[in-house]
Amino acid sequence: MHIYPPCEHPPFGKGGWRTAEARAREAEVAQRDDVTAQFEAVAAVLAELDVEAVWLEATPDERRVLVQELVEEVALFADHLEVVVAGAPRLDVTLEEVGVQNCGVRGATRYIRTRLSPVEK
């Protein structure tokens, strides 16, 4: 007969006695693995997605939803725009890039910051 110190668990072999803490850790790892697999599946679909074709086929309401999911904020300055896209750093966009003519405004600029409102159902 072997005597184990009170702080150690006797080795009951593979699949033996486990603590609730060990089972919780294993469940957490399994859940993390599932989430990782789901993320990779979604990333693969998005990598193959023809965004231009989706945009052309989308209705105005569907386009609004697409933009709302991607664009977090737009700041309008007299000479440029600043756009915050989900998960990306702030982008500086010239007015010419969005098809707006720059009328030569110089000096201090005021800005209007807007957050897109949710689509009404």
C-alpha atoms as a PDB file:
ATOM      1  CA  MET A   1       0.000   0.000   0.000  1.00  0.00           C
ATOM      2  CA  HIS A   2       1.244   3.472  -0.976  1.00  0.00           C
ATOM      3  CA  ILE A   3       0.638   6.463   1.192  1.00  0.00           C
ATOM      4  CA  TYR A   4       0.384   9.835  -0.554  1.00  0.00           C
ATOM      5  CA  PRO A   5       0.824  13.195   1.129  1.00  0.00           C
ATOM      6  CA  PRO A   6      -2.512  15.002   1.566  1.00  0.00           C
ATOM      7  CA  CYS A   7      -1.660  17.596  -1.105  1.00  0.00           C
ATOM      8  CA  GLU A   8      -1.115  15.052  -3.895  1.00  0.00           C
ATOM      9  CA  HIS A   9      -3.673  13.003  -5.785  1.00  0.00           C
ATOM     10  CA  PRO A  10      -3.055   9.283  -6.172  1.00  0.00           C
ATOM     11  CA  PRO A  11      -2.307   8.258  -9.787  1.00  0.00           C
ATOM     12  CA  PHE A  12      -5.331   6.278 -10.900  1.00  0.00           C
ATOM     13  CA  GLY A  13      -4.002   6.025 -14.444  1.00  0.00           C
ATOM     14  CA  LYS A  14      -5.348   7.433 -17.684  1.00  0.00           C
ATOM     15  CA  GLY A  15      -8.890   8.717 -17.315  1.00  0.00           C
ATOM     16  CA  GLY A  16      -8.612   8.564 -13.547  1.00  0.00           C
ATOM     17  CA  TRP A  17      -9.895  10.922 -10.920  1.00  0.00           C
ATOM     18  CA  ARG A  18      -9.846  14.617 -11.879  1.00  0.00           C
ATOM     19  CA  THR A  19     -10.718  17.653  -9.904  1.00  0.00           C
ATOM     20  CA  ALA A  20     -13.577  19.954 -10.833  1.00  0.00           C
ATOM     21  CA  GLU A  21     -10.926  22.599 -11.585  1.00  0.00           C
ATOM     22  CA  ALA A  22      -9.202  20.321 -14.111  1.00  0.00           C
ATOM     23  CA  ARG A  23     -12.529  19.527 -15.791  1.00  0.00           C
ATOM     24  CA  ALA A  24     -13.354  23.246 -15.987  1.00  0.00           C
ATOM     25  CA  ARG A  25      -9.942  23.973 -17.568  1.00  0.00           C
ATOM     26  CA  GLU A  26     -10.472  21.225 -20.129  1.00  0.00           C
ATOM     27  CA  ALA A  27     -13.948  22.544 -20.963  1.00  0.00           C
ATOM     28  CA  GLU A  28     -12.544  26.056 -21.371  1.00  0.00           C
ATOM     29  CA  VAL A  29      -9.801  24.810 -23.715  1.00  0.00           C
ATOM     30  CA  ALA A  30     -12.356  22.833 -25.743  1.00  0.00           C
ATOM     31  CA  GLN A  31     -14.622  25.881 -26.004  1.00  0.00           C
ATOM     32  CA  ARG A  32     -11.673  28.052 -27.073  1.00  0.00           C
ATOM     33  CA  ASP A  33     -10.771  25.475 -29.727  1.00  0.00           C
ATOM     34  CA  ASP A  34     -14.376  25.510 -31.006  1.00  0.00           C
ATOM     35  CA  VAL A  35     -14.417  29.320 -31.184  1.00  0.00           C
ATOM     36  CA  THR A  36     -11.065  29.300 -32.997  1.00  0.00           C
ATOM     37  CA  ALA A  37     -12.360  26.763 -35.530  1.00  0.00           C
ATOM     38  CA  GLN A  38     -15.527  28.809 -36.097  1.00  0.00           C
ATOM     39  CA  PHE A  39     -13.477  32.002 -36.532  1.00  0.00           C
ATOM     40  CA  GLU A  40     -11.212  30.311 -39.070  1.00  0.00           C
ATOM     41  CA  ALA A  41     -14.257  29.066 -40.998  1.00  0.00           C
ATOM     42  CA  VAL A  42     -15.759  32.571 -41.111  1.00  0.00           C
ATOM     43  CA  ALA A  43     -12.386  34.064 -42.096  1.00  0.00           C
ATOM     44  CA  ALA A  44     -12.131  31.576 -44.978  1.00  0.00           C
ATOM     45  CA  VAL A  45     -15.592  32.561 -46.246  1.00  0.00           C
ATOM     46  CA  LEU A  46     -14.766  36.268 -45.984  1.00  0.00           C
ATOM     47  CA  ALA A  47     -11.438  35.770 -47.784  1.00  0.00           C
ATOM     48  CA  GLU A  48     -13.321  34.281 -50.738  1.00  0.00           C
ATOM     49  CA  LEU A  49     -16.176  36.812 -50.638  1.00  0.00           C
ATOM     50  CA  ASP A  50     -16.572  39.026 -53.700  1.00  0.00           C
ATOM     51  CA  VAL A  51     -17.522  42.231 -51.890  1.00  0.00           C
ATOM     52  CA  GLU A  52     -18.121  44.153 -55.113  1.00  0.00           C
ATOM     53  CA  ALA A  53     -20.628  41.556 -56.336  1.00  0.00           C
ATOM     54  CA  VAL A  54     -22.397  41.533 -52.952  1.00  0.00           C
ATOM     55  CA  TRP A  55     -22.565  45.342 -52.978  1.00  0.00           C
ATOM     56  CA  LEU A  56     -24.012  45.436 -56.507  1.00  0.00           C
ATOM     57  CA  GLU A  57     -26.716  42.889 -55.626  1.00  0.00           C
ATOM     58  CA  ALA A  58     -27.602  44.423 -52.243  1.00  0.00           C
ATOM     59  CA  THR A  59     -30.685  46.567 -51.713  1.00  0.00           C
ATOM     60  CA  PRO A  60     -30.198  50.040 -50.169  1.00  0.00           C
ATOM     61  CA  ASP A  61     -31.214  48.682 -46.739  1.00  0.00           C
ATOM     62  CA  GLU A  62     -28.776  45.772 -47.045  1.00  0.00           C
ATOM     63  CA  ARG A  63     -26.001  48.190 -48.040  1.00  0.00           C
ATOM     64  CA  ARG A  64     -26.747  50.313 -44.995  1.00  0.00           C
ATOM     65  CA  VAL A  65     -26.451  47.257 -42.739  1.00  0.00           C
ATOM     66  CA  LEU A  66     -23.130  46.299 -44.355  1.00  0.00           C
ATOM     67  CA  VAL A  67     -21.740  49.801 -43.780  1.00  0.00           C
ATOM     68  CA  GLN A  68     -23.047  49.974 -40.219  1.00  0.00           C
ATOM     69  CA  GLU A  69     -21.335  46.705 -39.337  1.00  0.00           C
ATOM     70  CA  LEU A  70     -17.983  47.892 -40.708  1.00  0.00           C
ATOM     71  CA  VAL A  71     -17.832  51.661 -40.148  1.00  0.00           C
ATOM     72  CA  GLU A  72     -17.764  52.813 -36.529  1.00  0.00           C
ATOM     73  CA  GLU A  73     -17.325  56.549 -37.012  1.00  0.00           C
ATOM     74  CA  VAL A  74     -16.919  59.268 -39.651  1.00  0.00           C
ATOM     75  CA  ALA A  75     -15.462  62.691 -38.821  1.00  0.00           C
ATOM     76  CA  LEU A  76     -16.030  65.389 -41.458  1.00  0.00           C
ATOM     77  CA  PHE A  77     -13.423  68.153 -41.681  1.00  0.00           C
ATOM     78  CA  ALA A  78     -13.381  71.042 -44.143  1.00  0.00           C
ATOM     79  CA  ASP A  79     -10.512  69.472 -46.087  1.00  0.00           C
ATOM     80  CA  HIS A  80     -10.751  65.712 -45.388  1.00  0.00           C
ATOM     81  CA  LEU A  81     -12.641  62.901 -43.695  1.00  0.00           C
ATOM     82  CA  GLU A  82     -11.493  60.611 -40.915  1.00  0.00           C
ATOM     83  CA  VAL A  83     -13.071  57.175 -40.985  1.00  0.00           C
ATOM     84  CA  VAL A  84     -12.881  54.553 -38.239  1.00  0.00           C
ATOM     85  CA  VAL A  85     -13.432  51.044 -39.587  1.00  0.00           C
ATOM     86  CA  ALA A  86     -14.073  48.245 -37.082  1.00  0.00           C
ATOM     87  CA  GLY A  87     -10.770  46.722 -36.007  1.00  0.00           C
ATOM     88  CA  ALA A  88      -8.586  49.141 -37.978  1.00  0.00           C
ATOM     89  CA  PRO A  89      -6.748  52.385 -37.227  1.00  0.00           C
ATOM     90  CA  ARG A  90      -8.324  55.729 -38.157  1.00  0.00           C
ATOM     91  CA  LEU A  91      -8.126  56.468 -41.897  1.00  0.00           C
ATOM     92  CA  ASP A  92      -7.570  59.940 -43.355  1.00  0.00           C
ATOM     93  CA  VAL A  93      -9.499  60.263 -46.618  1.00  0.00           C
ATOM     94  CA  THR A  94      -9.181  63.239 -48.943  1.00  0.00           C
ATOM     95  CA  LEU A  95     -12.358  64.785 -50.276  1.00  0.00           C
ATOM     96  CA  GLU A  96     -11.234  63.978 -53.806  1.00  0.00           C
ATOM     97  CA  GLU A  97     -11.032  60.269 -52.908  1.00  0.00           C
ATOM     98  CA  VAL A  98     -14.752  60.233 -52.131  1.00  0.00           C
ATOM     99  CA  GLY A  99     -15.707  62.334 -55.137  1.00  0.00           C
ATOM    100  CA  VAL A 100     -16.182  65.651 -53.353  1.00  0.00           C
ATOM    101  CA  GLN A 101     -14.463  68.722 -54.740  1.00  0.00           C
ATOM    102  CA  ASN A 102     -12.171  70.525 -52.302  1.00  0.00           C
ATOM    103  CA  CYS A 103     -13.166  74.202 -52.518  1.00  0.00           C
ATOM    104  CA  GLY A 104      -9.852  75.339 -51.114  1.00  0.00           C
ATOM    105  CA  VAL A 105     -10.866  75.818 -47.485  1.00  0.00           C
ATOM    106  CA  ARG A 106      -7.813  76.606 -45.371  1.00  0.00           C
ATOM    107  CA  GLY A 107      -7.075  77.417 -41.780  1.00  0.00           C
ATOM    108  CA  ALA A 108      -8.717  76.012 -38.687  1.00  0.00           C
ATOM    109  CA  THR A 109     -11.228  73.298 -39.253  1.00  0.00           C
ATOM    110  CA  ARG A 110     -14.259  72.341 -37.279  1.00  0.00           C
ATOM    111  CA  TYR A 111     -15.462  68.828 -37.481  1.00  0.00           C
ATOM    112  CA  ILE A 112     -18.719  67.029 -37.256  1.00  0.00           C
ATOM    113  CA  ARG A 113     -18.421  63.605 -35.712  1.00  0.00           C
ATOM    114  CA  THR A 114     -21.149  61.116 -36.424  1.00  0.00           C
ATOM    115  CA  ARG A 115     -21.865  57.574 -35.437  1.00  0.00           C
ATOM    116  CA  LEU A 116     -24.109  55.589 -37.721  1.00  0.00           C
ATOM    117  CA  SER A 117     -27.516  54.928 -36.234  1.00  0.00           C
ATOM    118  CA  PRO A 118     -29.020  51.447 -36.211  1.00  0.00           C
ATOM    119  CA  VAL A 119     -31.285  50.441 -39.062  1.00  0.00           C
ATOM    120  CA  GLU A 120     -34.954  50.788 -38.176  1.00  0.00           C
ATOM    121  CA  LYS A 121     -36.944  47.593 -38.578  1.00  0.00           C
END
